[in-house]
Amino acid sequence: MMLHSVPLSRQVDMVFTQLREELEHLDSGTVFMQIRNDVVGKFGIRHFPLESRGAELKKIEKGLSETQQISFRQTAQESLKYKRWTHGEIQFEFATMQDTLCTSITFESNYNMASMVNESSHRYR
């Protein structure tokens, strides 16, 4: 499949489909997507699967429900309306508090000085 022809919102949907099983076991973390030319490349989840209370380690027992995952996916897709760049990273922080999903979104744009220098040298010839 040529991802250049797939809309970014569909690619985000594909990412969340891939992460579905992992999200079922997490109640907080950060989903990240690295984007180049409006194509998702590397993606994943940063999280802490273990909590500690004193010296006791406890595994997280309950992750995101199906309804919470659908809501999370929709929020991620809706957030794309605010993206104004083609290269960068999007981070979706999430946590459940009293069975309510809370999310925060961070956009990071990336630029490459080498491509700017090459572009400007061609303009001034």
PDB file of N, CA and C in Angstrom:
ATOM      1  N   MET A   1       0.840  -1.174   0.000  1.00  0.00           N
ATOM      2  CA  MET A   1       0.000   0.000   0.000  1.00  0.00           C
ATOM      3  C   MET A   1       0.890   1.245   0.000  1.00  0.00           C
ATOM      4  N   MET A   2       0.590   2.198  -0.858  1.00  0.00           N
ATOM      5  CA  MET A   2       1.311   3.462  -0.917  1.00  0.00           C
ATOM      6  C   MET A   2       0.672   4.428   0.068  1.00  0.00           C
ATOM      7  N   LEU A   3       1.352   4.703   1.179  1.00  0.00           N
ATOM      8  CA  LEU A   3       0.772   5.551   2.214  1.00  0.00           C
ATOM      9  C   LEU A   3       0.628   7.000   1.780  1.00  0.00           C
ATOM     10  N   HIS A   4       1.378   7.433   0.759  1.00  0.00           N
ATOM     11  CA  HIS A   4       1.258   8.820   0.301  1.00  0.00           C
ATOM     12  C   HIS A   4      -0.151   9.111  -0.210  1.00  0.00           C
ATOM     13  N   SER A   5      -0.857   8.097  -0.665  1.00  0.00           N
ATOM     14  CA  SER A   5      -2.209   8.299  -1.189  1.00  0.00           C
ATOM     15  C   SER A   5      -3.289   8.066  -0.126  1.00  0.00           C
ATOM     16  N   VAL A   6      -2.895   7.680   1.084  1.00  0.00           N
ATOM     17  CA  VAL A   6      -3.847   7.433   2.169  1.00  0.00           C
ATOM     18  C   VAL A   6      -3.928   8.689   3.040  1.00  0.00           C
ATOM     19  N   PRO A   7      -5.137   9.240   3.254  1.00  0.00           N
ATOM     20  CA  PRO A   7      -5.269  10.437   4.096  1.00  0.00           C
ATOM     21  C   PRO A   7      -4.695  10.198   5.495  1.00  0.00           C
ATOM     22  N   LEU A   8      -4.139  11.260   6.073  1.00  0.00           N
ATOM     23  CA  LEU A   8      -3.518  11.146   7.386  1.00  0.00           C
ATOM     24  C   LEU A   8      -4.527  10.658   8.431  1.00  0.00           C
ATOM     25  N   SER A   9      -5.776  11.084   8.347  1.00  0.00           N
ATOM     26  CA  SER A   9      -6.773  10.630   9.318  1.00  0.00           C
ATOM     27  C   SER A   9      -6.971   9.110   9.235  1.00  0.00           C
ATOM     28  N   ARG A  10      -6.888   8.547   8.047  1.00  0.00           N
ATOM     29  CA  ARG A  10      -6.995   7.090   7.880  1.00  0.00           C
ATOM     30  C   ARG A  10      -5.755   6.405   8.451  1.00  0.00           C
ATOM     31  N   GLN A  11      -4.589   7.022   8.271  1.00  0.00           N
ATOM     32  CA  GLN A  11      -3.365   6.460   8.840  1.00  0.00           C
ATOM     33  C   GLN A  11      -3.445   6.438  10.368  1.00  0.00           C
ATOM     34  N   VAL A  12      -4.004   7.504  10.962  1.00  0.00           N
ATOM     35  CA  VAL A  12      -4.189   7.553  12.417  1.00  0.00           C
ATOM     36  C   VAL A  12      -5.112   6.419  12.851  1.00  0.00           C
ATOM     37  N   ASP A  13      -6.163   6.181  12.090  1.00  0.00           N
ATOM     38  CA  ASP A  13      -7.070   5.072  12.368  1.00  0.00           C
ATOM     39  C   ASP A  13      -6.312   3.742  12.343  1.00  0.00           C
ATOM     40  N   MET A  14      -5.443   3.573  11.371  1.00  0.00           N
ATOM     41  CA  MET A  14      -4.648   2.348  11.251  1.00  0.00           C
ATOM     42  C   MET A  14      -3.716   2.187  12.456  1.00  0.00           C
ATOM     43  N   VAL A  15      -3.137   3.289  12.923  1.00  0.00           N
ATOM     44  CA  VAL A  15      -2.246   3.250  14.098  1.00  0.00           C
ATOM     45  C   VAL A  15      -3.029   2.763  15.318  1.00  0.00           C
ATOM     46  N   PHE A  16      -4.202   3.351  15.547  1.00  0.00           N
ATOM     47  CA  PHE A  16      -4.989   2.962  16.716  1.00  0.00           C
ATOM     48  C   PHE A  16      -5.486   1.517  16.614  1.00  0.00           C
ATOM     49  N   THR A  17      -5.745   1.044  15.411  1.00  0.00           N
ATOM     50  CA  THR A  17      -6.107  -0.363  15.233  1.00  0.00           C
ATOM     51  C   THR A  17      -4.942  -1.255  15.643  1.00  0.00           C
ATOM     52  N   GLN A  18      -3.737  -0.877  15.235  1.00  0.00           N
ATOM     53  CA  GLN A  18      -2.541  -1.657  15.578  1.00  0.00           C
ATOM     54  C   GLN A  18      -2.277  -1.646  17.088  1.00  0.00           C
ATOM     55  N   LEU A  19      -2.566  -0.525  17.748  1.00  0.00           N
ATOM     56  CA  LEU A  19      -2.260  -0.372  19.181  1.00  0.00           C
ATOM     57  C   LEU A  19      -3.394  -0.862  20.088  1.00  0.00           C
ATOM     58  N   ARG A  20      -4.491  -1.288  19.506  1.00  0.00           N
ATOM     59  CA  ARG A  20      -5.694  -1.653  20.257  1.00  0.00           C
ATOM     60  C   ARG A  20      -5.421  -2.599  21.423  1.00  0.00           C
ATOM     61  N   GLU A  21      -4.761  -3.695  21.143  1.00  0.00           N
ATOM     62  CA  GLU A  21      -4.515  -4.703  22.176  1.00  0.00           C
ATOM     63  C   GLU A  21      -3.636  -4.150  23.308  1.00  0.00           C
ATOM     64  N   GLU A  22      -2.651  -3.348  22.955  1.00  0.00           N
ATOM     65  CA  GLU A  22      -1.778  -2.766  23.975  1.00  0.00           C
ATOM     66  C   GLU A  22      -2.558  -1.782  24.848  1.00  0.00           C
ATOM     67  N   LEU A  23      -3.428  -0.979  24.223  1.00  0.00           N
ATOM     68  CA  LEU A  23      -4.218   0.004  24.974  1.00  0.00           C
ATOM     69  C   LEU A  23      -5.195  -0.659  25.938  1.00  0.00           C
ATOM     70  N   GLU A  24      -5.603  -1.891  25.646  1.00  0.00           N
ATOM     71  CA  GLU A  24      -6.500  -2.629  26.541  1.00  0.00           C
ATOM     72  C   GLU A  24      -5.859  -2.903  27.896  1.00  0.00           C
ATOM     73  N   HIS A  25      -4.525  -2.795  27.970  1.00  0.00           N
ATOM     74  CA  HIS A  25      -3.804  -3.103  29.204  1.00  0.00           C
ATOM     75  C   HIS A  25      -3.141  -1.890  29.831  1.00  0.00           C
ATOM     76  N   LEU A  26      -3.484  -0.687  29.346  1.00  0.00           N
ATOM     77  CA  LEU A  26      -2.868   0.531  29.869  1.00  0.00           C
ATOM     78  C   LEU A  26      -3.936   1.525  30.302  1.00  0.00           C
ATOM     79  N   ASP A  27      -3.690   2.182  31.429  1.00  0.00           N
ATOM     80  CA  ASP A  27      -4.625   3.219  31.860  1.00  0.00           C
ATOM     81  C   ASP A  27      -4.039   4.618  31.699  1.00  0.00           C
ATOM     82  N   SER A  28      -2.773   4.691  31.246  1.00  0.00           N
ATOM     83  CA  SER A  28      -2.153   5.990  30.976  1.00  0.00           C
ATOM     84  C   SER A  28      -0.914   5.777  30.117  1.00  0.00           C
ATOM     85  N   GLY A  29      -0.471   6.853  29.486  1.00  0.00           N
ATOM     86  CA  GLY A  29       0.721   6.789  28.656  1.00  0.00           C
ATOM     87  C   GLY A  29       0.675   7.864  27.588  1.00  0.00           C
ATOM     88  N   THR A  30       1.523   7.704  26.594  1.00  0.00           N
ATOM     89  CA  THR A  30       1.593   8.653  25.480  1.00  0.00           C
ATOM     90  C   THR A  30       1.690   7.884  24.175  1.00  0.00           C
ATOM     91  N   VAL A  31       0.697   8.075  23.308  1.00  0.00           N
ATOM     92  CA  VAL A  31       0.770   7.536  21.949  1.00  0.00           C
ATOM     93  C   VAL A  31       1.513   8.573  21.121  1.00  0.00           C
ATOM     94  N   PHE A  32       2.545   8.146  20.381  1.00  0.00           N
ATOM     95  CA  PHE A  32       3.282   9.092  19.542  1.00  0.00           C
ATOM     96  C   PHE A  32       3.280   8.604  18.101  1.00  0.00           C
ATOM     97  N   MET A  33       3.321   9.582  17.187  1.00  0.00           N
ATOM     98  CA  MET A  33       3.396   9.292  15.755  1.00  0.00           C
ATOM     99  C   MET A  33       4.395  10.250  15.137  1.00  0.00           C
ATOM    100  N   GLN A  34       5.409   9.700  14.503  1.00  0.00           N
ATOM    101  CA  GLN A  34       6.371  10.522  13.772  1.00  0.00           C
ATOM    102  C   GLN A  34       5.892  10.617  12.326  1.00  0.00           C
ATOM    103  N   ILE A  35       5.840  11.845  11.828  1.00  0.00           N
ATOM    104  CA  ILE A  35       5.245  12.102  10.515  1.00  0.00           C
ATOM    105  C   ILE A  35       6.271  12.786   9.613  1.00  0.00           C
ATOM    106  N   ARG A  36       6.353  12.314   8.387  1.00  0.00           N
ATOM    107  CA  ARG A  36       7.227  12.903   7.375  1.00  0.00           C
ATOM    108  C   ARG A  36       6.439  12.968   6.072  1.00  0.00           C
ATOM    109  N   ASN A  37       6.337  14.156   5.485  1.00  0.00           N
ATOM    110  CA  ASN A  37       5.541  14.358   4.264  1.00  0.00           C
ATOM    111  C   ASN A  37       4.106  13.864   4.442  1.00  0.00           C
ATOM    112  N   ASP A  38       3.537  14.146   5.613  1.00  0.00           N
ATOM    113  CA  ASP A  38       2.164  13.746   5.953  1.00  0.00           C
ATOM    114  C   ASP A  38       1.938  12.241   5.890  1.00  0.00           C
ATOM    115  N   VAL A  39       2.987  11.464   6.154  1.00  0.00           N
ATOM    116  CA  VAL A  39       2.891  10.011   6.223  1.00  0.00           C
ATOM    117  C   VAL A  39       3.420   9.566   7.589  1.00  0.00           C
ATOM    118  N   VAL A  40       2.626   8.765   8.307  1.00  0.00           N
ATOM    119  CA  VAL A  40       3.061   8.245   9.593  1.00  0.00           C
ATOM    120  C   VAL A  40       4.163   7.224   9.353  1.00  0.00           C
ATOM    121  N   GLY A  41       5.277   7.410  10.033  1.00  0.00           N
ATOM    122  CA  GLY A  41       6.376   6.447   9.970  1.00  0.00           C
ATOM    123  C   GLY A  41       6.361   5.645  11.260  1.00  0.00           C
ATOM    124  N   LYS A  42       7.257   5.976  12.139  1.00  0.00           N
ATOM    125  CA  LYS A  42       7.356   5.291  13.426  1.00  0.00           C
ATOM    126  C   LYS A  42       6.218   5.759  14.338  1.00  0.00           C
ATOM    127  N   PHE A  43       5.658   4.815  15.098  1.00  0.00           N
ATOM    128  CA  PHE A  43       4.622   5.145  16.074  1.00  0.00           C
ATOM    129  C   PHE A  43       4.688   4.136  17.204  1.00  0.00           C
ATOM    130  N   GLY A  44       4.065   4.463  18.307  1.00  0.00           N
ATOM    131  CA  GLY A  44       4.046   3.542  19.435  1.00  0.00           C
ATOM    132  C   GLY A  44       3.467   4.193  20.670  1.00  0.00           C
ATOM    133  N   ILE A  45       3.725   3.562  21.814  1.00  0.00           N
ATOM    134  CA  ILE A  45       3.216   4.060  23.091  1.00  0.00           C
ATOM    135  C   ILE A  45       4.362   4.099  24.093  1.00  0.00           C
ATOM    136  N   ARG A  46       4.496   5.224  24.770  1.00  0.00           N
ATOM    137  CA  ARG A  46       5.413   5.327  25.907  1.00  0.00           C
ATOM    138  C   ARG A  46       4.545   5.157  27.152  1.00  0.00           C
ATOM    139  N   HIS A  47       4.924   4.231  28.008  1.00  0.00           N
ATOM    140  CA  HIS A  47       4.098   4.000  29.189  1.00  0.00           C
ATOM    141  C   HIS A  47       4.887   3.294  30.274  1.00  0.00           C
ATOM    142  N   PHE A  48       4.308   3.293  31.443  1.00  0.00           N
ATOM    143  CA  PHE A  48       4.844   2.577  32.581  1.00  0.00           C
ATOM    144  C   PHE A  48       3.838   1.491  32.937  1.00  0.00           C
ATOM    145  N   PRO A  49       4.119   0.245  32.590  1.00  0.00           N
ATOM    146  CA  PRO A  49       3.135  -0.810  32.856  1.00  0.00           C
ATOM    147  C   PRO A  49       3.097  -1.261  34.317  1.00  0.00           C
ATOM    148  N   LEU A  50       4.009  -0.743  35.128  1.00  0.00           N
ATOM    149  CA  LEU A  50       4.044  -1.143  36.539  1.00  0.00           C
ATOM    150  C   LEU A  50       3.947   0.098  37.427  1.00  0.00           C
ATOM    151  N   GLU A  51       3.228  -0.039  38.531  1.00  0.00           N
ATOM    152  CA  GLU A  51       3.155   1.012  39.533  1.00  0.00           C
ATOM    153  C   GLU A  51       3.771   0.453  40.805  1.00  0.00           C
ATOM    154  N   SER A  52       4.277   1.330  41.637  1.00  0.00           N
ATOM    155  CA  SER A  52       4.812   0.848  42.910  1.00  0.00           C
ATOM    156  C   SER A  52       4.163   1.594  44.064  1.00  0.00           C
ATOM    157  N   ARG A  53       3.961   0.876  45.107  1.00  0.00           N
ATOM    158  CA  ARG A  53       3.492   1.441  46.371  1.00  0.00           C
ATOM    159  C   ARG A  53       4.526   0.992  47.401  1.00  0.00           C
ATOM    160  N   GLY A  54       5.440   1.904  47.717  1.00  0.00           N
ATOM    161  CA  GLY A  54       6.548   1.521  48.580  1.00  0.00           C
ATOM    162  C   GLY A  54       7.462   0.584  47.814  1.00  0.00           C
ATOM    163  N   ALA A  55       7.747  -0.571  48.371  1.00  0.00           N
ATOM    164  CA  ALA A  55       8.613  -1.547  47.720  1.00  0.00           C
ATOM    165  C   ALA A  55       7.828  -2.544  46.872  1.00  0.00           C
ATOM    166  N   GLU A  56       6.502  -2.437  46.880  1.00  0.00           N
ATOM    167  CA  GLU A  56       5.652  -3.399  46.179  1.00  0.00           C
ATOM    168  C   GLU A  56       5.342  -2.908  44.755  1.00  0.00           C
ATOM    169  N   LEU A  57       5.669  -3.741  43.767  1.00  0.00           N
ATOM    170  CA  LEU A  57       5.329  -3.432  42.380  1.00  0.00           C
ATOM    171  C   LEU A  57       3.978  -4.041  42.057  1.00  0.00           C
ATOM    172  N   LYS A  58       3.156  -3.255  41.363  1.00  0.00           N
ATOM    173  CA  LYS A  58       1.813  -3.716  41.020  1.00  0.00           C
ATOM    174  C   LYS A  58       1.604  -3.501  39.531  1.00  0.00           C
ATOM    175  N   LYS A  59       1.165  -4.548  38.844  1.00  0.00           N
ATOM    176  CA  LYS A  59       0.876  -4.461  37.417  1.00  0.00           C
ATOM    177  C   LYS A  59      -0.497  -3.815  37.222  1.00  0.00           C
ATOM    178  N   ILE A  60      -0.609  -2.967  36.210  1.00  0.00           N
ATOM    179  CA  ILE A  60      -1.889  -2.347  35.902  1.00  0.00           C
ATOM    180  C   ILE A  60      -2.846  -3.432  35.418  1.00  0.00           C
ATOM    181  N   GLU A  61      -3.989  -3.528  36.067  1.00  0.00           N
ATOM    182  CA  GLU A  61      -4.947  -4.585  35.754  1.00  0.00           C
ATOM    183  C   GLU A  61      -5.962  -4.184  34.691  1.00  0.00           C
ATOM    184  N   LYS A  62      -6.340  -2.918  34.664  1.00  0.00           N
ATOM    185  CA  LYS A  62      -7.434  -2.491  33.801  1.00  0.00           C
ATOM    186  C   LYS A  62      -6.949  -1.373  32.879  1.00  0.00           C
ATOM    187  N   GLY A  63      -7.111  -1.576  31.574  1.00  0.00           N
ATOM    188  CA  GLY A  63      -6.712  -0.563  30.604  1.00  0.00           C
ATOM    189  C   GLY A  63      -7.918   0.154  30.032  1.00  0.00           C
ATOM    190  N   LEU A  64      -7.754   0.699  28.832  1.00  0.00           N
ATOM    191  CA  LEU A  64      -8.829   1.447  28.190  1.00  0.00           C
ATOM    192  C   LEU A  64      -9.915   0.506  27.682  1.00  0.00           C
ATOM    193  N   SER A  65     -11.142   0.872  27.948  1.00  0.00           N
ATOM    194  CA  SER A  65     -12.280   0.089  27.460  1.00  0.00           C
ATOM    195  C   SER A  65     -12.446   0.343  25.961  1.00  0.00           C
ATOM    196  N   GLU A  66     -13.305  -0.446  25.332  1.00  0.00           N
ATOM    197  CA  GLU A  66     -13.593  -0.275  23.901  1.00  0.00           C
ATOM    198  C   GLU A  66     -14.139   1.134  23.638  1.00  0.00           C
ATOM    199  N   THR A  67     -15.049   1.591  24.481  1.00  0.00           N
ATOM    200  CA  THR A  67     -15.638   2.926  24.329  1.00  0.00           C
ATOM    201  C   THR A  67     -14.580   4.014  24.481  1.00  0.00           C
ATOM    202  N   GLN A  68     -13.692   3.859  25.453  1.00  0.00           N
ATOM    203  CA  GLN A  68     -12.617   4.837  25.655  1.00  0.00           C
ATOM    204  C   GLN A  68     -11.660   4.848  24.467  1.00  0.00           C
ATOM    205  N   GLN A  69     -11.379   3.679  23.899  1.00  0.00           N
ATOM    206  CA  GLN A  69     -10.493   3.618  22.738  1.00  0.00           C
ATOM    207  C   GLN A  69     -11.124   4.301  21.526  1.00  0.00           C
ATOM    208  N   ILE A  70     -12.420   4.110  21.342  1.00  0.00           N
ATOM    209  CA  ILE A  70     -13.118   4.770  20.227  1.00  0.00           C
ATOM    210  C   ILE A  70     -13.063   6.286  20.404  1.00  0.00           C
ATOM    211  N   SER A  71     -13.311   6.750  21.615  1.00  0.00           N
ATOM    212  CA  SER A  71     -13.257   8.179  21.917  1.00  0.00           C
ATOM    213  C   SER A  71     -11.848   8.733  21.688  1.00  0.00           C
ATOM    214  N   PHE A  72     -10.846   7.992  22.127  1.00  0.00           N
ATOM    215  CA  PHE A  72      -9.442   8.391  21.962  1.00  0.00           C
ATOM    216  C   PHE A  72      -9.096   8.515  20.475  1.00  0.00           C
ATOM    217  N   ARG A  73      -9.487   7.536  19.697  1.00  0.00           N
ATOM    218  CA  ARG A  73      -9.234   7.530  18.252  1.00  0.00           C
ATOM    219  C   ARG A  73      -9.907   8.744  17.582  1.00  0.00           C
ATOM    220  N   GLN A  74     -11.156   9.005  17.948  1.00  0.00           N
ATOM    221  CA  GLN A  74     -11.881  10.139  17.374  1.00  0.00           C
ATOM    222  C   GLN A  74     -11.223  11.469  17.740  1.00  0.00           C
ATOM    223  N   THR A  75     -10.770  11.587  18.975  1.00  0.00           N
ATOM    224  CA  THR A  75     -10.067  12.797  19.414  1.00  0.00           C
ATOM    225  C   THR A  75      -8.787  12.986  18.609  1.00  0.00           C
ATOM    226  N   ALA A  76      -8.048  11.907  18.407  1.00  0.00           N
ATOM    227  CA  ALA A  76      -6.799  11.976  17.635  1.00  0.00           C
ATOM    228  C   ALA A  76      -7.076  12.417  16.201  1.00  0.00           C
ATOM    229  N   GLN A  77      -8.093  11.840  15.587  1.00  0.00           N
ATOM    230  CA  GLN A  77      -8.425  12.199  14.202  1.00  0.00           C
ATOM    231  C   GLN A  77      -8.907  13.646  14.122  1.00  0.00           C
ATOM    232  N   GLU A  78      -9.702  14.073  15.069  1.00  0.00           N
ATOM    233  CA  GLU A  78     -10.226  15.444  15.088  1.00  0.00           C
ATOM    234  C   GLU A  78      -9.099  16.460  15.284  1.00  0.00           C
ATOM    235  N   SER A  79      -8.091  16.083  16.044  1.00  0.00           N
ATOM    236  CA  SER A  79      -6.975  17.004  16.322  1.00  0.00           C
ATOM    237  C   SER A  79      -6.188  17.357  15.060  1.00  0.00           C
ATOM    238  N   LEU A  80      -6.262  16.510  14.041  1.00  0.00           N
ATOM    239  CA  LEU A  80      -5.510  16.763  12.813  1.00  0.00           C
ATOM    240  C   LEU A  80      -5.926  18.067  12.136  1.00  0.00           C
ATOM    241  N   LYS A  81      -7.104  18.565  12.447  1.00  0.00           N
ATOM    242  CA  LYS A  81      -7.562  19.846  11.888  1.00  0.00           C
ATOM    243  C   LYS A  81      -6.668  21.005  12.318  1.00  0.00           C
ATOM    244  N   TYR A  82      -5.910  20.825  13.395  1.00  0.00           N
ATOM    245  CA  TYR A  82      -5.069  21.888  13.938  1.00  0.00           C
ATOM    246  C   TYR A  82      -3.601  21.757  13.532  1.00  0.00           C
ATOM    247  N   LYS A  83      -3.265  20.709  12.798  1.00  0.00           N
ATOM    248  CA  LYS A  83      -1.885  20.480  12.350  1.00  0.00           C
ATOM    249  C   LYS A  83      -1.635  21.328  11.105  1.00  0.00           C
ATOM    250  N   ARG A  84      -0.517  22.097  11.107  1.00  0.00           N
ATOM    251  CA  ARG A  84      -0.216  23.003   9.993  1.00  0.00           C
ATOM    252  C   ARG A  84       1.166  22.748   9.379  1.00  0.00           C
ATOM    253  N   TRP A  85       1.669  21.539   9.495  1.00  0.00           N
ATOM    254  CA  TRP A  85       3.000  21.212   8.993  1.00  0.00           C
ATOM    255  C   TRP A  85       2.985  19.821   8.377  1.00  0.00           C
ATOM    256  N   THR A  86       4.067  19.460   7.686  1.00  0.00           N
ATOM    257  CA  THR A  86       4.134  18.145   7.031  1.00  0.00           C
ATOM    258  C   THR A  86       5.135  17.197   7.690  1.00  0.00           C
ATOM    259  N   HIS A  87       6.079  17.743   8.481  1.00  0.00           N
ATOM    260  CA  HIS A  87       7.097  16.927   9.135  1.00  0.00           C
ATOM    261  C   HIS A  87       7.069  17.222  10.637  1.00  0.00           C
ATOM    262  N   GLY A  88       6.991  16.170  11.453  1.00  0.00           N
ATOM    263  CA  GLY A  88       7.016  16.375  12.892  1.00  0.00           C
ATOM    264  C   GLY A  88       6.536  15.166  13.654  1.00  0.00           C
ATOM    265  N   GLU A  89       6.045  15.439  14.861  1.00  0.00           N
ATOM    266  CA  GLU A  89       5.561  14.369  15.728  1.00  0.00           C
ATOM    267  C   GLU A  89       4.316  14.854  16.449  1.00  0.00           C
ATOM    268  N   ILE A  90       3.379  13.951  16.638  1.00  0.00           N
ATOM    269  CA  ILE A  90       2.198  14.225  17.441  1.00  0.00           C
ATOM    270  C   ILE A  90       2.240  13.275  18.632  1.00  0.00           C
ATOM    271  N   GLN A  91       1.994  13.843  19.820  1.00  0.00           N
ATOM    272  CA  GLN A  91       1.943  13.036  21.034  1.00  0.00           C
ATOM    273  C   GLN A  91       0.563  13.194  21.660  1.00  0.00           C
ATOM    274  N   PHE A  92      -0.051  12.066  21.957  1.00  0.00           N
ATOM    275  CA  PHE A  92      -1.367  12.038  22.586  1.00  0.00           C
ATOM    276  C   PHE A  92      -1.198  11.454  23.984  1.00  0.00           C
ATOM    277  N   GLU A  93      -1.130  12.309  24.997  1.00  0.00           N
ATOM    278  CA  GLU A  93      -1.051  11.812  26.370  1.00  0.00           C
ATOM    279  C   GLU A  93      -2.449  11.419  26.813  1.00  0.00           C
ATOM    280  N   PHE A  94      -2.544  10.316  27.523  1.00  0.00           N
ATOM    281  CA  PHE A  94      -3.856   9.864  27.991  1.00  0.00           C
ATOM    282  C   PHE A  94      -3.749   9.288  29.391  1.00  0.00           C
ATOM    283  N   ALA A  95      -4.840   9.405  30.124  1.00  0.00           N
ATOM    284  CA  ALA A  95      -4.944   8.818  31.458  1.00  0.00           C
ATOM    285  C   ALA A  95      -6.421   8.664  31.789  1.00  0.00           C
ATOM    286  N   THR A  96      -6.725   7.624  32.540  1.00  0.00           N
ATOM    287  CA  THR A  96      -8.095   7.464  33.015  1.00  0.00           C
ATOM    288  C   THR A  96      -8.138   7.914  34.468  1.00  0.00           C
ATOM    289  N   MET A  97      -9.122   8.735  34.761  1.00  0.00           N
ATOM    290  CA  MET A  97      -9.337   9.211  36.124  1.00  0.00           C
ATOM    291  C   MET A  97     -10.796   8.975  36.460  1.00  0.00           C
ATOM    292  N   GLN A  98     -11.037   8.104  37.419  1.00  0.00           N
ATOM    293  CA  GLN A  98     -12.390   7.721  37.818  1.00  0.00           C
ATOM    294  C   GLN A  98     -13.205   7.274  36.600  1.00  0.00           C
ATOM    295  N   ASP A  99     -12.600   6.402  35.802  1.00  0.00           N
ATOM    296  CA  ASP A  99     -13.206   5.824  34.595  1.00  0.00           C
ATOM    297  C   ASP A  99     -13.499   6.839  33.485  1.00  0.00           C
ATOM    298  N   THR A 100     -12.923   8.033  33.565  1.00  0.00           N
ATOM    299  CA  THR A 100     -13.062   9.037  32.517  1.00  0.00           C
ATOM    300  C   THR A 100     -11.718   9.187  31.810  1.00  0.00           C
ATOM    301  N   LEU A 101     -11.739   9.122  30.488  1.00  0.00           N
ATOM    302  CA  LEU A 101     -10.514   9.266  29.703  1.00  0.00           C
ATOM    303  C   LEU A 101     -10.180  10.747  29.547  1.00  0.00           C
ATOM    304  N   CYS A 102      -8.969  11.114  29.903  1.00  0.00           N
ATOM    305  CA  CYS A 102      -8.475  12.485  29.745  1.00  0.00           C
ATOM    306  C   CYS A 102      -7.311  12.439  28.754  1.00  0.00           C
ATOM    307  N   THR A 103      -7.311  13.358  27.789  1.00  0.00           N
ATOM    308  CA  THR A 103      -6.239  13.382  26.796  1.00  0.00           C
ATOM    309  C   THR A 103      -5.662  14.784  26.666  1.00  0.00           C
ATOM    310  N   SER A 104      -4.428  14.840  26.243  1.00  0.00           N
ATOM    311  CA  SER A 104      -3.734  16.092  25.959  1.00  0.00           C
ATOM    312  C   SER A 104      -2.899  15.849  24.706  1.00  0.00           C
ATOM    313  N   ILE A 105      -2.913  16.807  23.795  1.00  0.00           N
ATOM    314  CA  ILE A 105      -2.256  16.617  22.501  1.00  0.00           C
ATOM    315  C   ILE A 105      -1.150  17.645  22.325  1.00  0.00           C
ATOM    316  N   THR A 106       0.007  17.173  21.866  1.00  0.00           N
ATOM    317  CA  THR A 106       1.138  18.052  21.586  1.00  0.00           C
ATOM    318  C   THR A 106       1.580  17.842  20.145  1.00  0.00           C
ATOM    319  N   PHE A 107       1.688  18.947  19.409  1.00  0.00           N
ATOM    320  CA  PHE A 107       2.218  18.914  18.044  1.00  0.00           C
ATOM    321  C   PHE A 107       3.654  19.417  18.077  1.00  0.00           C
ATOM    322  N   GLU A 108       4.528  18.732  17.351  1.00  0.00           N
ATOM    323  CA  GLU A 108       5.925  19.159  17.227  1.00  0.00           C
ATOM    324  C   GLU A 108       6.271  19.176  15.747  1.00  0.00           C
ATOM    325  N   SER A 109       6.608  20.348  15.221  1.00  0.00           N
ATOM    326  CA  SER A 109       7.012  20.425  13.818  1.00  0.00           C
ATOM    327  C   SER A 109       8.529  20.303  13.731  1.00  0.00           C
ATOM    328  N   ASN A 110       9.014  19.703  12.653  1.00  0.00           N
ATOM    329  CA  ASN A 110      10.458  19.534  12.434  1.00  0.00           C
ATOM    330  C   ASN A 110      10.820  20.107  11.073  1.00  0.00           C
ATOM    331  N   TYR A 111      11.954  20.799  11.025  1.00  0.00           N
ATOM    332  CA  TYR A 111      12.459  21.341   9.774  1.00  0.00           C
ATOM    333  C   TYR A 111      13.914  20.929   9.635  1.00  0.00           C
ATOM    334  N   ASN A 112      14.403  20.878   8.412  1.00  0.00           N
ATOM    335  CA  ASN A 112      15.760  20.439   8.136  1.00  0.00           C
ATOM    336  C   ASN A 112      16.529  21.581   7.479  1.00  0.00           C
ATOM    337  N   MET A 113      17.552  22.074   8.156  1.00  0.00           N
ATOM    338  CA  MET A 113      18.340  23.199   7.648  1.00  0.00           C
ATOM    339  C   MET A 113      18.995  22.856   6.318  1.00  0.00           C
ATOM    340  N   ALA A 114      19.435  21.623   6.155  1.00  0.00           N
ATOM    341  CA  ALA A 114      20.104  21.227   4.909  1.00  0.00           C
ATOM    342  C   ALA A 114      19.164  21.390   3.719  1.00  0.00           C
ATOM    343  N   SER A 115      17.902  21.034   3.876  1.00  0.00           N
ATOM    344  CA  SER A 115      16.974  21.180   2.759  1.00  0.00           C
ATOM    345  C   SER A 115      16.680  22.648   2.490  1.00  0.00           C
ATOM    346  N   MET A 116      16.700  23.482   3.513  1.00  0.00           N
ATOM    347  CA  MET A 116      16.497  24.923   3.322  1.00  0.00           C
ATOM    348  C   MET A 116      17.670  25.534   2.564  1.00  0.00           C
ATOM    349  N   VAL A 117      18.880  25.127   2.912  1.00  0.00           N
ATOM    350  CA  VAL A 117      20.075  25.652   2.251  1.00  0.00           C
ATOM    351  C   VAL A 117      20.078  25.219   0.789  1.00  0.00           C
ATOM    352  N   ASN A 118      19.753  23.953   0.522  1.00  0.00           N
ATOM    353  CA  ASN A 118      19.698  23.463  -0.859  1.00  0.00           C
ATOM    354  C   ASN A 118      18.631  24.194  -1.657  1.00  0.00           C
ATOM    355  N   GLU A 119      17.480  24.424  -1.034  1.00  0.00           N
ATOM    356  CA  GLU A 119      16.383  25.139  -1.707  1.00  0.00           C
ATOM    357  C   GLU A 119      16.774  26.559  -2.062  1.00  0.00           C
ATOM    358  N   SER A 120      17.369  27.269  -1.103  1.00  0.00           N
ATOM    359  CA  SER A 120      17.712  28.668  -1.337  1.00  0.00           C
ATOM    360  C   SER A 120      18.871  28.802  -2.337  1.00  0.00           C
ATOM    361  N   SER A 121      19.782  27.847  -2.380  1.00  0.00           N
ATOM    362  CA  SER A 121      20.894  27.931  -3.337  1.00  0.00           C
ATOM    363  C   SER A 121      20.393  27.777  -4.765  1.00  0.00           C
ATOM    364  N   HIS A 122      19.291  26.990  -4.937  1.00  0.00           N
ATOM    365  CA  HIS A 122      18.717  26.826  -6.275  1.00  0.00           C
ATOM    366  C   HIS A 122      17.962  28.102  -6.701  1.00  0.00           C
ATOM    367  N   ARG A 123      17.390  28.829  -5.742  1.00  0.00           N
ATOM    368  CA  ARG A 123      16.638  30.045  -6.048  1.00  0.00           C
ATOM    369  C   ARG A 123      17.526  31.170  -6.518  1.00  0.00           C
ATOM    370  N   TYR A 124      18.748  31.245  -6.015  1.00  0.00           N
ATOM    371  CA  TYR A 124      19.625  32.379  -6.293  1.00  0.00           C
ATOM    372  C   TYR A 124      20.636  32.120  -7.406  1.00  0.00           C
ATOM    373  N   ARG A 125      20.435  31.090  -8.176  1.00  0.00           N
ATOM    374  CA  ARG A 125      21.348  30.800  -9.285  1.00  0.00           C
ATOM    375  C   ARG A 125      20.927  31.520 -10.515  1.00  0.00           C
TER     376      ARG A 125
END
